[in-house]
PDB file of N, CA and C in Angstrom:
ATOM      1  N   MET A   1      94.615  99.196  97.107  1.00  0.00           N
ATOM      2  CA  MET A   1      94.281  97.802  96.964  1.00  0.00           C
ATOM      3  C   MET A   1      93.666  97.312  98.261  1.00  0.00           C
ATOM      4  N   ARG A   2      92.623  96.558  98.119  1.00  0.00           N
ATOM      5  CA  ARG A   2      92.010  95.909  99.277  1.00  0.00           C
ATOM      6  C   ARG A   2      91.754  94.462  98.914  1.00  0.00           C
ATOM      7  N   ASP A   3      92.015  93.561  99.827  1.00  0.00           N
ATOM      8  CA  ASP A   3      91.738  92.166  99.514  1.00  0.00           C
ATOM      9  C   ASP A   3      90.308  91.783  99.872  1.00  0.00           C
ATOM     10  N   ARG A   4      89.591  92.652 100.567  1.00  0.00           N
ATOM     11  CA  ARG A   4      88.173  92.443 100.836  1.00  0.00           C
ATOM     12  C   ARG A   4      87.451  93.775 100.724  1.00  0.00           C
ATOM     13  N   ALA A   5      86.292  93.772 100.136  1.00  0.00           N
ATOM     14  CA  ALA A   5      85.538  95.012  99.937  1.00  0.00           C
ATOM     15  C   ALA A   5      84.986  95.575 101.236  1.00  0.00           C
ATOM     16  N   SER A   6      84.992  94.813 102.322  1.00  0.00           N
ATOM     17  CA  SER A   6      84.392  95.280 103.568  1.00  0.00           C
ATOM     18  C   SER A   6      85.259  96.277 104.332  1.00  0.00           C
ATOM     19  N   TYR A   7      86.526  96.404 103.986  1.00  0.00           N
ATOM     20  CA  TYR A   7      87.389  97.343 104.697  1.00  0.00           C
ATOM     21  C   TYR A   7      87.064  98.788 104.319  1.00  0.00           C
ATOM     22  N   ASP A   8      87.181  99.672 105.285  1.00  0.00           N
ATOM     23  CA  ASP A   8      86.928 101.088 105.040  1.00  0.00           C
ATOM     24  C   ASP A   8      88.171 101.822 104.563  1.00  0.00           C
ATOM     25  N   PHE A   9      89.315 101.211 104.647  1.00  0.00           N
ATOM     26  CA  PHE A   9      90.566 101.849 104.245  1.00  0.00           C
ATOM     27  C   PHE A   9      91.460 100.807 103.594  1.00  0.00           C
ATOM     28  N   ALA A  10      92.403 101.274 102.814  1.00  0.00           N
ATOM     29  CA  ALA A  10      93.323 100.360 102.134  1.00  0.00           C
ATOM     30  C   ALA A  10      94.388  99.869 103.105  1.00  0.00           C
ATOM     31  N   LEU A  11      94.695  98.584 103.027  1.00  0.00           N
ATOM     32  CA  LEU A  11      95.806  98.042 103.805  1.00  0.00           C
ATOM     33  C   LEU A  11      97.127  98.528 103.238  1.00  0.00           C
ATOM     34  N   VAL A  12      97.168  98.670 101.928  1.00  0.00           N
ATOM     35  CA  VAL A  12      98.333  99.165 101.196  1.00  0.00           C
ATOM     36  C   VAL A  12      97.795 100.045 100.080  1.00  0.00           C
ATOM     37  N   SER A  13      98.407 101.195  99.868  1.00  0.00           N
ATOM     38  CA  SER A  13      98.017 102.019  98.729  1.00  0.00           C
ATOM     39  C   SER A  13      99.258 102.451  97.963  1.00  0.00           C
ATOM     40  N   VAL A  14      99.098 102.534  96.650  1.00  0.00           N
ATOM     41  CA  VAL A  14     100.184 102.955  95.768  1.00  0.00           C
ATOM     42  C   VAL A  14      99.644 103.993  94.802  1.00  0.00           C
ATOM     43  N   ALA A  15     100.316 105.115  94.720  1.00  0.00           N
ATOM     44  CA  ALA A  15     100.044 106.112  93.689  1.00  0.00           C
ATOM     45  C   ALA A  15     101.275 106.107  92.789  1.00  0.00           C
ATOM     46  N   ALA A  16     101.077 105.779  91.514  1.00  0.00           N
ATOM     47  CA  ALA A  16     102.225 105.650  90.606  1.00  0.00           C
ATOM     48  C   ALA A  16     101.946 106.365  89.295  1.00  0.00           C
ATOM     49  N   ALA A  17     102.971 107.034  88.812  1.00  0.00           N
ATOM     50  CA  ALA A  17     102.938 107.652  87.484  1.00  0.00           C
ATOM     51  C   ALA A  17     104.257 107.321  86.800  1.00  0.00           C
ATOM     52  N   LEU A  18     104.181 106.682  85.639  1.00  0.00           N
ATOM     53  CA  LEU A  18     105.374 106.332  84.876  1.00  0.00           C
ATOM     54  C   LEU A  18     105.274 106.962  83.500  1.00  0.00           C
ATOM     55  N   ASP A  19     106.352 107.569  83.058  1.00  0.00           N
ATOM     56  CA  ASP A  19     106.434 108.106  81.706  1.00  0.00           C
ATOM     57  C   ASP A  19     107.241 107.108  80.889  1.00  0.00           C
ATOM     58  N   VAL A  20     106.616 106.550  79.859  1.00  0.00           N
ATOM     59  CA  VAL A  20     107.261 105.535  79.022  1.00  0.00           C
ATOM     60  C   VAL A  20     107.393 106.070  77.608  1.00  0.00           C
ATOM     61  N   GLN A  21     108.616 106.065  77.098  1.00  0.00           N
ATOM     62  CA  GLN A  21     108.903 106.495  75.730  1.00  0.00           C
ATOM     63  C   GLN A  21     109.619 105.357  75.016  1.00  0.00           C
ATOM     64  N   ASP A  22     109.032 104.871  73.937  1.00  0.00           N
ATOM     65  CA  ASP A  22     109.630 103.789  73.148  1.00  0.00           C
ATOM     66  C   ASP A  22     110.010 102.580  74.009  1.00  0.00           C
ATOM     67  N   GLY A  23     109.140 102.238  74.947  1.00  0.00           N
ATOM     68  CA  GLY A  23     109.373 101.059  75.768  1.00  0.00           C
ATOM     69  C   GLY A  23     110.302 101.252  76.951  1.00  0.00           C
ATOM     70  N   GLN A  24     110.855 102.454  77.110  1.00  0.00           N
ATOM     71  CA  GLN A  24     111.761 102.751  78.226  1.00  0.00           C
ATOM     72  C   GLN A  24     111.071 103.693  79.204  1.00  0.00           C
ATOM     73  N   ILE A  25     111.278 103.473  80.475  1.00  0.00           N
ATOM     74  CA  ILE A  25     110.714 104.355  81.496  1.00  0.00           C
ATOM     75  C   ILE A  25     111.649 105.551  81.646  1.00  0.00           C
ATOM     76  N   THR A  26     111.124 106.729  81.348  1.00  0.00           N
ATOM     77  CA  THR A  26     111.947 107.934  81.404  1.00  0.00           C
ATOM     78  C   THR A  26     111.737 108.722  82.693  1.00  0.00           C
ATOM     79  N   ASP A  27     110.626 108.486  83.380  1.00  0.00           N
ATOM     80  CA  ASP A  27     110.370 109.159  84.648  1.00  0.00           C
ATOM     81  C   ASP A  27     109.420 108.304  85.465  1.00  0.00           C
ATOM     82  N   ALA A  28     109.547 108.373  86.776  1.00  0.00           N
ATOM     83  CA  ALA A  28     108.690 107.601  87.671  1.00  0.00           C
ATOM     84  C   ALA A  28     108.451 108.391  88.945  1.00  0.00           C
ATOM     85  N   ARG A  29     107.216 108.378  89.385  1.00  0.00           N
ATOM     86  CA  ARG A  29     106.837 109.014  90.644  1.00  0.00           C
ATOM     87  C   ARG A  29     105.941 108.035  91.382  1.00  0.00           C
ATOM     88  N   ILE A  30     106.356 107.655  92.582  1.00  0.00           N
ATOM     89  CA  ILE A  30     105.626 106.635  93.325  1.00  0.00           C
ATOM     90  C   ILE A  30     105.507 107.048  94.788  1.00  0.00           C
ATOM     91  N   ALA A  31     104.284 106.978  95.305  1.00  0.00           N
ATOM     92  CA  ALA A  31     104.031 107.227  96.719  1.00  0.00           C
ATOM     93  C   ALA A  31     103.296 106.023  97.300  1.00  0.00           C
ATOM     94  N   LEU A  32     103.625 105.700  98.547  1.00  0.00           N
ATOM     95  CA  LEU A  32     103.046 104.538  99.217  1.00  0.00           C
ATOM     96  C   LEU A  32     102.291 104.974 100.456  1.00  0.00           C
ATOM     97  N   GLY A  33     101.221 104.257 100.756  1.00  0.00           N
ATOM     98  CA  GLY A  33     100.455 104.533 101.963  1.00  0.00           C
ATOM     99  C   GLY A  33      99.970 103.247 102.590  1.00  0.00           C
ATOM    100  N   GLY A  34      99.585 103.331 103.839  1.00  0.00           N
ATOM    101  CA  GLY A  34      99.017 102.189 104.532  1.00  0.00           C
ATOM    102  C   GLY A  34     100.025 101.195 105.085  1.00  0.00           C
ATOM    103  N   VAL A  35     101.303 101.407 104.843  1.00  0.00           N
ATOM    104  CA  VAL A  35     102.300 100.444 105.311  1.00  0.00           C
ATOM    105  C   VAL A  35     103.268 101.048 106.328  1.00  0.00           C
ATOM    106  N   GLY A  36     103.008 102.250 106.726  1.00  0.00           N
ATOM    107  CA  GLY A  36     103.850 102.915 107.718  1.00  0.00           C
ATOM    108  C   GLY A  36     103.018 103.918 108.480  1.00  0.00           C
ATOM    109  N   THR A  37     103.665 104.699 109.285  1.00  0.00           N
ATOM    110  CA  THR A  37     102.940 105.685 110.083  1.00  0.00           C
ATOM    111  C   THR A  37     102.505 106.895 109.271  1.00  0.00           C
ATOM    112  N   LYS A  38     103.107 107.056 108.094  1.00  0.00           N
ATOM    113  CA  LYS A  38     102.720 108.149 107.202  1.00  0.00           C
ATOM    114  C   LYS A  38     103.079 107.742 105.770  1.00  0.00           C
ATOM    115  N   PRO A  39     102.447 108.370 104.786  1.00  0.00           N
ATOM    116  CA  PRO A  39     102.796 108.057 103.388  1.00  0.00           C
ATOM    117  C   PRO A  39     104.253 108.431 103.114  1.00  0.00           C
ATOM    118  N   TRP A  40     104.868 107.724 102.169  1.00  0.00           N
ATOM    119  CA  TRP A  40     106.228 108.079 101.793  1.00  0.00           C
ATOM    120  C   TRP A  40     106.472 107.816 100.324  1.00  0.00           C
ATOM    121  N   LYS A  41     107.507 108.449  99.823  1.00  0.00           N
ATOM    122  CA  LYS A  41     107.917 108.336  98.425  1.00  0.00           C
ATOM    123  C   LYS A  41     108.797 107.097  98.267  1.00  0.00           C
ATOM    124  N   ALA A  42     108.530 106.314  97.219  1.00  0.00           N
ATOM    125  CA  ALA A  42     109.297 105.082  96.973  1.00  0.00           C
ATOM    126  C   ALA A  42     110.485 105.392  96.064  1.00  0.00           C
ATOM    127  N   THR A  43     111.482 106.052  96.618  1.00  0.00           N
ATOM    128  CA  THR A  43     112.637 106.478  95.819  1.00  0.00           C
ATOM    129  C   THR A  43     113.438 105.296  95.290  1.00  0.00           C
ATOM    130  N   GLU A  44     113.478 104.193  96.042  1.00  0.00           N
ATOM    131  CA  GLU A  44     114.215 103.020  95.567  1.00  0.00           C
ATOM    132  C   GLU A  44     113.591 102.475  94.286  1.00  0.00           C
ATOM    133  N   ALA A  45     112.285 102.383  94.282  1.00  0.00           N
ATOM    134  CA  ALA A  45     111.575 101.895  93.091  1.00  0.00           C
ATOM    135  C   ALA A  45     111.772 102.855  91.920  1.00  0.00           C
ATOM    136  N   GLU A  46     111.711 104.148  92.182  1.00  0.00           N
ATOM    137  CA  GLU A  46     111.900 105.135  91.115  1.00  0.00           C
ATOM    138  C   GLU A  46     113.283 104.986  90.480  1.00  0.00           C
ATOM    139  N   ARG A  47     114.297 104.786  91.301  1.00  0.00           N
ATOM    140  CA  ARG A  47     115.662 104.630  90.773  1.00  0.00           C
ATOM    141  C   ARG A  47     115.774 103.401  89.870  1.00  0.00           C
ATOM    142  N   VAL A  48     115.163 102.297  90.279  1.00  0.00           N
ATOM    143  CA  VAL A  48     115.208 101.071  89.480  1.00  0.00           C
ATOM    144  C   VAL A  48     114.457 101.259  88.167  1.00  0.00           C
ATOM    145  N   LEU A  49     113.331 101.927  88.209  1.00  0.00           N
ATOM    146  CA  LEU A  49     112.483 102.066  87.030  1.00  0.00           C
ATOM    147  C   LEU A  49     113.056 103.009  85.969  1.00  0.00           C
ATOM    148  N   ILE A  50     113.558 104.155  86.381  1.00  0.00           N
ATOM    149  CA  ILE A  50     114.011 105.168  85.420  1.00  0.00           C
ATOM    150  C   ILE A  50     115.198 104.643  84.610  1.00  0.00           C
ATOM    151  N   GLY A  51     115.031 104.664  83.293  1.00  0.00           N
ATOM    152  CA  GLY A  51     116.065 104.198  82.381  1.00  0.00           C
ATOM    153  C   GLY A  51     115.959 102.717  82.048  1.00  0.00           C
ATOM    154  N   SER A  52     114.991 102.038  82.628  1.00  0.00           N
ATOM    155  CA  SER A  52     114.819 100.601  82.398  1.00  0.00           C
ATOM    156  C   SER A  52     113.641 100.341  81.463  1.00  0.00           C
ATOM    157  N   PRO A  53     113.604  99.149  80.867  1.00  0.00           N
ATOM    158  CA  PRO A  53     112.472  98.811  80.011  1.00  0.00           C
ATOM    159  C   PRO A  53     111.199  98.634  80.838  1.00  0.00           C
ATOM    160  N   ALA A  54     110.079  98.986  80.250  1.00  0.00           N
ATOM    161  CA  ALA A  54     108.780  98.830  80.907  1.00  0.00           C
ATOM    162  C   ALA A  54     108.325  97.391  80.740  1.00  0.00           C
ATOM    163  N   ASN A  55     108.764  96.518  81.650  1.00  0.00           N
ATOM    164  CA  ASN A  55     108.383  95.104  81.557  1.00  0.00           C
ATOM    165  C   ASN A  55     108.293  94.486  82.947  1.00  0.00           C
ATOM    166  N   ALA A  56     107.832  93.248  83.000  1.00  0.00           N
ATOM    167  CA  ALA A  56     107.601  92.556  84.264  1.00  0.00           C
ATOM    168  C   ALA A  56     108.867  92.436  85.112  1.00  0.00           C
ATOM    169  N   SER A  57     109.999  92.167  84.486  1.00  0.00           N
ATOM    170  CA  SER A  57     111.252  92.024  85.241  1.00  0.00           C
ATOM    171  C   SER A  57     111.628  93.325  85.940  1.00  0.00           C
ATOM    172  N   THR A  58     111.473  94.425  85.256  1.00  0.00           N
ATOM    173  CA  THR A  58     111.775  95.731  85.842  1.00  0.00           C
ATOM    174  C   THR A  58     110.819  96.033  86.987  1.00  0.00           C
ATOM    175  N   TYR A  59     109.536  95.758  86.779  1.00  0.00           N
ATOM    176  CA  TYR A  59     108.542  96.038  87.816  1.00  0.00           C
ATOM    177  C   TYR A  59     108.820  95.225  89.076  1.00  0.00           C
ATOM    178  N   GLU A  60     109.157  93.972  88.896  1.00  0.00           N
ATOM    179  CA  GLU A  60     109.461  93.112  90.043  1.00  0.00           C
ATOM    180  C   GLU A  60     110.721  93.595  90.758  1.00  0.00           C
ATOM    181  N   ALA A  61     111.742  93.988  90.004  1.00  0.00           N
ATOM    182  CA  ALA A  61     112.979  94.501  90.608  1.00  0.00           C
ATOM    183  C   ALA A  61     112.701  95.773  91.410  1.00  0.00           C
ATOM    184  N   ALA A  62     111.866  96.637  90.887  1.00  0.00           N
ATOM    185  CA  ALA A  62     111.529  97.874  91.593  1.00  0.00           C
ATOM    186  C   ALA A  62     110.759  97.567  92.882  1.00  0.00           C
ATOM    187  N   ALA A  63     109.838  96.629  92.813  1.00  0.00           N
ATOM    188  CA  ALA A  63     109.071  96.254  94.002  1.00  0.00           C
ATOM    189  C   ALA A  63     109.982  95.633  95.062  1.00  0.00           C
ATOM    190  N   LEU A  64     110.881  94.759  94.634  1.00  0.00           N
ATOM    191  CA  LEU A  64     111.810  94.130  95.577  1.00  0.00           C
ATOM    192  C   LEU A  64     112.746  95.152  96.213  1.00  0.00           C
ATOM    193  N   ALA A  65     113.173  96.144  95.433  1.00  0.00           N
ATOM    194  CA  ALA A  65     114.031  97.195  95.991  1.00  0.00           C
ATOM    195  C   ALA A  65     113.282  97.990  97.056  1.00  0.00           C
ATOM    196  N   THR A  66     111.993  98.162  96.862  1.00  0.00           N
ATOM    197  CA  THR A  66     111.185  98.916  97.817  1.00  0.00           C
ATOM    198  C   THR A  66     111.039  98.184  99.137  1.00  0.00           C
ATOM    199  N   ILE A  67     110.853  96.881  99.106  1.00  0.00           N
ATOM    200  CA  ILE A  67     110.604  96.126 100.345  1.00  0.00           C
ATOM    201  C   ILE A  67     111.874  95.548 100.970  1.00  0.00           C
ATOM    202  N   HIS A  68     113.005  95.741 100.321  1.00  0.00           N
ATOM    203  CA  HIS A  68     114.263  95.139 100.768  1.00  0.00           C
ATOM    204  C   HIS A  68     114.554  95.378 102.258  1.00  0.00           C
ATOM    205  N   ASP A  69     114.402  96.591 102.708  1.00  0.00           N
ATOM    206  CA  ASP A  69     114.731  96.925 104.100  1.00  0.00           C
ATOM    207  C   ASP A  69     113.493  97.048 104.991  1.00  0.00           C
ATOM    208  N   ALA A  70     112.376  96.470 104.575  1.00  0.00           N
ATOM    209  CA  ALA A  70     111.140  96.567 105.357  1.00  0.00           C
ATOM    210  C   ALA A  70     111.336  95.958 106.741  1.00  0.00           C
ATOM    211  N   LYS A  71     110.765  96.607 107.734  1.00  0.00           N
ATOM    212  CA  LYS A  71     110.836  96.134 109.111  1.00  0.00           C
ATOM    213  C   LYS A  71     109.415  96.040 109.672  1.00  0.00           C
ATOM    214  N   PRO A  72     108.714  94.976 109.305  1.00  0.00           N
ATOM    215  CA  PRO A  72     107.333  94.851 109.777  1.00  0.00           C
ATOM    216  C   PRO A  72     107.266  94.621 111.280  1.00  0.00           C
ATOM    217  N   GLN A  73     106.120  94.964 111.835  1.00  0.00           N
ATOM    218  CA  GLN A  73     105.868  94.743 113.256  1.00  0.00           C
ATOM    219  C   GLN A  73     105.160  93.397 113.441  1.00  0.00           C
ATOM    220  N   GLN A  74     104.835  93.082 114.663  1.00  0.00           N
ATOM    221  CA  GLN A  74     104.308  91.763 115.001  1.00  0.00           C
ATOM    222  C   GLN A  74     103.079  91.358 114.194  1.00  0.00           C
ATOM    223  N   TYR A  75     102.155  92.262 113.991  1.00  0.00           N
ATOM    224  CA  TYR A  75     100.893  91.892 113.355  1.00  0.00           C
ATOM    225  C   TYR A  75     100.724  92.408 111.930  1.00  0.00           C
ATOM    226  N   ASN A  76     101.737  92.974 111.341  1.00  0.00           N
ATOM    227  CA  ASN A  76     101.563  93.502 109.977  1.00  0.00           C
ATOM    228  C   ASN A  76     102.608  92.981 108.986  1.00  0.00           C
ATOM    229  N   HIS A  77     103.270  91.906 109.291  1.00  0.00           N
ATOM    230  CA  HIS A  77     104.298  91.383 108.388  1.00  0.00           C
ATOM    231  C   HIS A  77     103.729  90.956 107.038  1.00  0.00           C
ATOM    232  N   PHE A  78     102.434  90.648 106.968  1.00  0.00           N
ATOM    233  CA  PHE A  78     101.808  90.283 105.710  1.00  0.00           C
ATOM    234  C   PHE A  78     101.810  91.437 104.708  1.00  0.00           C
ATOM    235  N   LYS A  79     101.949  92.667 105.205  1.00  0.00           N
ATOM    236  CA  LYS A  79     101.902  93.827 104.320  1.00  0.00           C
ATOM    237  C   LYS A  79     103.113  93.923 103.392  1.00  0.00           C
ATOM    238  N   VAL A  80     104.218  93.311 103.762  1.00  0.00           N
ATOM    239  CA  VAL A  80     105.413  93.363 102.913  1.00  0.00           C
ATOM    240  C   VAL A  80     105.114  92.703 101.560  1.00  0.00           C
ATOM    241  N   GLU A  81     104.578  91.495 101.586  1.00  0.00           N
ATOM    242  CA  GLU A  81     104.231  90.798 100.340  1.00  0.00           C
ATOM    243  C   GLU A  81     103.067  91.485  99.632  1.00  0.00           C
ATOM    244  N   LEU A  82     102.118  91.980 100.382  1.00  0.00           N
ATOM    245  CA  LEU A  82     100.993  92.706  99.776  1.00  0.00           C
ATOM    246  C   LEU A  82     101.495  93.943  99.041  1.00  0.00           C
ATOM    247  N   LEU A  83     102.451  94.649  99.626  1.00  0.00           N
ATOM    248  CA  LEU A  83     103.020  95.825  98.971  1.00  0.00           C
ATOM    249  C   LEU A  83     103.753  95.431  97.700  1.00  0.00           C
ATOM    250  N   ARG A  84     104.533  94.370  97.736  1.00  0.00           N
ATOM    251  CA  ARG A  84     105.262  93.930  96.535  1.00  0.00           C
ATOM    252  C   ARG A  84     104.284  93.654  95.397  1.00  0.00           C
ATOM    253  N   ARG A  85     103.257  92.884  95.674  1.00  0.00           N
ATOM    254  CA  ARG A  85     102.292  92.537  94.630  1.00  0.00           C
ATOM    255  C   ARG A  85     101.508  93.752  94.148  1.00  0.00           C
ATOM    256  N   THR A  86     101.177  94.651  95.065  1.00  0.00           N
ATOM    257  CA  THR A  86     100.426  95.851  94.698  1.00  0.00           C
ATOM    258  C   THR A  86     101.257  96.775  93.820  1.00  0.00           C
ATOM    259  N   LEU A  87     102.538  96.925  94.140  1.00  0.00           N
ATOM    260  CA  LEU A  87     103.420  97.737  93.307  1.00  0.00           C
ATOM    261  C   LEU A  87     103.492  97.200  91.880  1.00  0.00           C
ATOM    262  N   VAL A  88     103.739  95.908  91.734  1.00  0.00           N
ATOM    263  CA  VAL A  88     103.845  95.312  90.402  1.00  0.00           C
ATOM    264  C   VAL A  88     102.548  95.520  89.623  1.00  0.00           C
ATOM    265  N   GLN A  89     101.420  95.277  90.271  1.00  0.00           N
ATOM    266  CA  GLN A  89     100.139  95.463  89.596  1.00  0.00           C
ATOM    267  C   GLN A  89      99.932  96.919  89.201  1.00  0.00           C
ATOM    268  N   ALA A  90     100.290  97.853  90.072  1.00  0.00           N
ATOM    269  CA  ALA A  90     100.141  99.276  89.764  1.00  0.00           C
ATOM    270  C   ALA A  90     100.994  99.662  88.557  1.00  0.00           C
ATOM    271  N   PHE A  91     102.221  99.146  88.480  1.00  0.00           N
ATOM    272  CA  PHE A  91     103.083  99.462  87.342  1.00  0.00           C
ATOM    273  C   PHE A  91     102.469  98.958  86.043  1.00  0.00           C
ATOM    274  N   PHE A  92     101.919  97.756  86.068  1.00  0.00           N
ATOM    275  CA  PHE A  92     101.251  97.239  84.867  1.00  0.00           C
ATOM    276  C   PHE A  92     100.045  98.099  84.501  1.00  0.00           C
ATOM    277  N   GLN A  93      99.280  98.520  85.486  1.00  0.00           N
ATOM    278  CA  GLN A  93      98.089  99.321  85.209  1.00  0.00           C
ATOM    279  C   GLN A  93      98.431 100.665  84.590  1.00  0.00           C
ATOM    280  N   VAL A  94      99.469 101.331  85.093  1.00  0.00           N
ATOM    281  CA  VAL A  94      99.785 102.661  84.560  1.00  0.00           C
ATOM    282  C   VAL A  94     100.504 102.608  83.215  1.00  0.00           C
ATOM    283  N   THR A  95     101.029 101.443  82.848  1.00  0.00           N
ATOM    284  CA  THR A  95     101.706 101.337  81.548  1.00  0.00           C
ATOM    285  C   THR A  95     100.889 100.537  80.552  1.00  0.00           C
ATOM    286  N   GLU A  96      99.672 100.172  80.892  1.00  0.00           N
ATOM    287  CA  GLU A  96      98.822  99.400  79.989  1.00  0.00           C
ATOM    288  C   GLU A  96      98.716 100.112  78.646  1.00  0.00           C
ATOM    289  N   GLY A  97      98.990  99.374  77.600  1.00  0.00           N
ATOM    290  CA  GLY A  97      98.933  99.935  76.253  1.00  0.00           C
ATOM    291  C   GLY A  97     100.207 100.617  75.809  1.00  0.00           C
ATOM    292  N   GLU A  98     101.180 100.754  76.705  1.00  0.00           N
ATOM    293  CA  GLU A  98     102.438 101.427  76.365  1.00  0.00           C
ATOM    294  C   GLU A  98     103.467 100.461  75.793  1.00  0.00           C
ATOM    295  N   GLN A  99     103.285  99.172  76.041  1.00  0.00           N
ATOM    296  CA  GLN A  99     104.336  98.212  75.684  1.00  0.00           C
ATOM    297  C   GLN A  99     104.183  97.688  74.291  1.00  0.00           C
TER     298      GLN A  99
END
């Protein structure tokens, strides 16, 4: 996700794959980039998603679980909210047509 097309790199990136069966998330794989010194797996979000319904409330809960312990630095605190919104949008995109 980029909020301006002029950037050469993403401020926040999310790679997400959700397996949805009958409206329930049966598996989730999520990796994050651009918000730390290296990419990392969003295990907190995966735990919230697996076994839950594929809906906005679940997506928001997973995003909030991911940013709960975020420790932004002086000039990048805006990335916490950007990551939350990007995660929710990514979950909707990968489950489009599944609900």
